[in-house]
C-alpha atoms as a PDB file:
ATOM      1  CA  MET A   1     -27.242 -91.362 -43.008  1.00  0.00           C
ATOM      2  CA  GLY A   2     -25.833 -89.562 -39.945  1.00  0.00           C
ATOM      3  CA  GLU A   3     -26.800 -91.671 -36.937  1.00  0.00           C
ATOM      4  CA  GLY A   4     -24.244 -90.216 -34.541  1.00  0.00           C
ATOM      5  CA  ASN A   5     -24.582 -86.476 -35.298  1.00  0.00           C
ATOM      6  CA  GLY A   6     -28.327 -85.994 -34.663  1.00  0.00           C
ATOM      7  CA  THR A   7     -29.389 -85.761 -38.296  1.00  0.00           C
ATOM      8  CA  THR A   8     -31.251 -88.241 -40.418  1.00  0.00           C
ATOM      9  CA  GLY A   9     -31.779 -88.485 -44.116  1.00  0.00           C
ATOM     10  CA  ALA A  10     -35.567 -88.008 -44.007  1.00  0.00           C
ATOM     11  CA  ALA A  11     -36.872 -84.689 -45.323  1.00  0.00           C
ATOM     12  CA  GLY A  12     -39.166 -84.010 -42.332  1.00  0.00           C
ATOM     13  CA  ASP A  13     -36.546 -84.519 -39.630  1.00  0.00           C
ATOM     14  CA  VAL A  14     -34.984 -81.541 -37.915  1.00  0.00           C
ATOM     15  CA  ASP A  15     -31.295 -81.155 -37.270  1.00  0.00           C
ATOM     16  CA  ARG A  16     -30.849 -81.152 -33.482  1.00  0.00           C
ATOM     17  CA  GLY A  17     -27.880 -78.790 -33.718  1.00  0.00           C
ATOM     18  CA  ALA A  18     -29.956 -76.153 -35.528  1.00  0.00           C
ATOM     19  CA  SER A  19     -32.316 -75.798 -32.552  1.00  0.00           C
ATOM     20  CA  GLN A  20     -29.401 -74.557 -30.448  1.00  0.00           C
ATOM     21  CA  LEU A  21     -28.912 -71.380 -32.512  1.00  0.00           C
ATOM     22  CA  VAL A  22     -28.717 -68.120 -30.607  1.00  0.00           C
ATOM     23  CA  ASP A  23     -29.706 -64.777 -32.086  1.00  0.00           C
ATOM     24  CA  HIS A  24     -26.839 -62.338 -31.460  1.00  0.00           C
ATOM     25  CA  ARG A  25     -28.421 -59.374 -33.213  1.00  0.00           C
ATOM     26  CA  ALA A  26     -28.740 -56.223 -31.125  1.00  0.00           C
ATOM     27  CA  LEU A  27     -32.048 -54.402 -30.986  1.00  0.00           C
ATOM     28  CA  GLY A  28     -31.949 -51.159 -32.902  1.00  0.00           C
ATOM     29  CA  GLY A  29     -32.720 -47.760 -31.521  1.00  0.00           C
ATOM     30  CA  ALA A  30     -30.749 -44.907 -30.103  1.00  0.00           C
ATOM     31  CA  TYR A  31     -32.863 -44.599 -26.946  1.00  0.00           C
ATOM     32  CA  PRO A  32     -33.833 -47.015 -24.192  1.00  0.00           C
ATOM     33  CA  PRO A  33     -37.494 -48.126 -24.056  1.00  0.00           C
ATOM     34  CA  ASP A  34     -38.512 -45.758 -21.255  1.00  0.00           C
ATOM     35  CA  GLU A  35     -37.110 -42.778 -23.188  1.00  0.00           C
ATOM     36  CA  CYS A  36     -38.937 -43.899 -26.346  1.00  0.00           C
ATOM     37  CA  ALA A  37     -42.181 -44.172 -24.380  1.00  0.00           C
ATOM     38  CA  ARG A  38     -41.675 -40.695 -22.947  1.00  0.00           C
ATOM     39  CA  ARG A  39     -41.087 -39.250 -26.422  1.00  0.00           C
ATOM     40  CA  VAL A  40     -44.096 -40.994 -27.966  1.00  0.00           C
ATOM     41  CA  ASN A  41     -46.215 -39.759 -25.045  1.00  0.00           C
ATOM     42  CA  HIS A  42     -44.960 -36.239 -25.755  1.00  0.00           C
ATOM     43  CA  PHE A  43     -46.020 -36.617 -29.420  1.00  0.00           C
ATOM     44  CA  PHE A  44     -49.457 -37.764 -28.209  1.00  0.00           C
ATOM     45  CA  VAL A  45     -49.866 -34.652 -26.064  1.00  0.00           C
ATOM     46  CA  VAL A  46     -48.777 -32.357 -28.903  1.00  0.00           C
ATOM     47  CA  GLU A  47     -51.100 -34.082 -31.401  1.00  0.00           C
ATOM     48  CA  THR A  48     -54.009 -33.782 -28.947  1.00  0.00           C
ATOM     49  CA  LEU A  49     -53.369 -30.077 -28.371  1.00  0.00           C
ATOM     50  CA  LEU A  50     -53.133 -29.401 -32.104  1.00  0.00           C
ATOM     51  CA  MET A  51     -56.350 -31.347 -32.666  1.00  0.00           C
ATOM     52  CA  ARG A  52     -58.204 -29.286 -30.069  1.00  0.00           C
ATOM     53  CA  SER A  53     -56.845 -26.083 -31.552  1.00  0.00           C
ATOM     54  CA  LEU A  54     -57.998 -27.121 -35.023  1.00  0.00           C
ATOM     55  CA  ALA A  55     -61.414 -28.132 -33.682  1.00  0.00           C
ATOM     56  CA  GLY A  56     -61.812 -24.657 -32.190  1.00  0.00           C
ATOM     57  CA  TRP A  57     -61.649 -23.128 -35.654  1.00  0.00           C
ATOM     58  CA  ILE A  58     -64.665 -25.086 -36.901  1.00  0.00           C
ATOM     59  CA  ALA A  59     -67.108 -22.739 -35.159  1.00  0.00           C
ATOM     60  CA  ARG A  60     -65.324 -19.631 -36.462  1.00  0.00           C
ATOM     61  CA  CYS A  61     -65.471 -20.536 -40.161  1.00  0.00           C
ATOM     62  CA  PRO A  62     -68.653 -19.425 -41.933  1.00  0.00           C
ATOM     63  CA  GLU A  63     -68.270 -21.610 -45.048  1.00  0.00           C
ATOM     64  CA  LEU A  64     -69.755 -25.096 -44.816  1.00  0.00           C
ATOM     65  CA  ASP A  65     -67.091 -26.601 -47.105  1.00  0.00           C
ATOM     66  CA  ILE A  66     -64.331 -25.419 -44.792  1.00  0.00           C
ATOM     67  CA  LYS A  67     -66.194 -26.677 -41.717  1.00  0.00           C
ATOM     68  CA  ILE A  68     -66.528 -30.115 -43.276  1.00  0.00           C
ATOM     69  CA  GLU A  69     -62.847 -30.248 -44.198  1.00  0.00           C
ATOM     70  CA  LEU A  70     -61.773 -29.065 -40.739  1.00  0.00           C
ATOM     71  CA  GLY A  71     -63.970 -31.777 -39.229  1.00  0.00           C
ATOM     72  CA  ARG A  72     -62.259 -34.387 -41.419  1.00  0.00           C
ATOM     73  CA  GLN A  73     -58.841 -33.138 -40.366  1.00  0.00           C
ATOM     74  CA  VAL A  74     -59.842 -33.234 -36.700  1.00  0.00           C
ATOM     75  CA  ALA A  75     -60.990 -36.842 -37.149  1.00  0.00           C
ATOM     76  CA  PHE A  76     -57.668 -37.762 -38.791  1.00  0.00           C
ATOM     77  CA  SER A  77     -55.781 -36.057 -35.988  1.00  0.00           C
ATOM     78  CA  ALA A  78     -57.839 -37.957 -33.405  1.00  0.00           C
ATOM     79  CA  GLU A  79     -56.936 -41.238 -35.120  1.00  0.00           C
ATOM     80  CA  ARG A  80     -53.248 -40.330 -35.045  1.00  0.00           C
ATOM     81  CA  ALA A  81     -53.437 -39.365 -31.365  1.00  0.00           C
ATOM     82  CA  ASP A  82     -55.232 -42.620 -30.555  1.00  0.00           C
ATOM     83  CA  ALA A  83     -52.576 -44.634 -32.405  1.00  0.00           C
ATOM     84  CA  LEU A  84     -49.826 -42.875 -30.439  1.00  0.00           C
ATOM     85  CA  LEU A  85     -51.613 -43.540 -27.161  1.00  0.00           C
ATOM     86  CA  ARG A  86     -52.075 -47.222 -28.018  1.00  0.00           C
ATOM     87  CA  ARG A  87     -48.391 -47.482 -28.868  1.00  0.00           C
ATOM     88  CA  VAL A  88     -47.383 -46.211 -25.427  1.00  0.00           C
ATOM     89  CA  ALA A  89     -49.965 -48.222 -23.470  1.00  0.00           C
END
């Protein structure tokens, strides 16, 4: 079919010109990567401090139901803090 232009008529053949495509899309984001890392690290620190503050209230609450729920919330907060730390690292 097209012997001179790098294409053939077979279905499995690849057009040689298509492999030369260049992606001209710009990466999104208003901040450079180091600034994003600094901000995510800041969110990690804040989440960790809030988690520790919430954990401190577990001993002060007399009701078992509230203690259990506070423990669940502390565990969720720890998962969020861990996810933020893994994103930065």
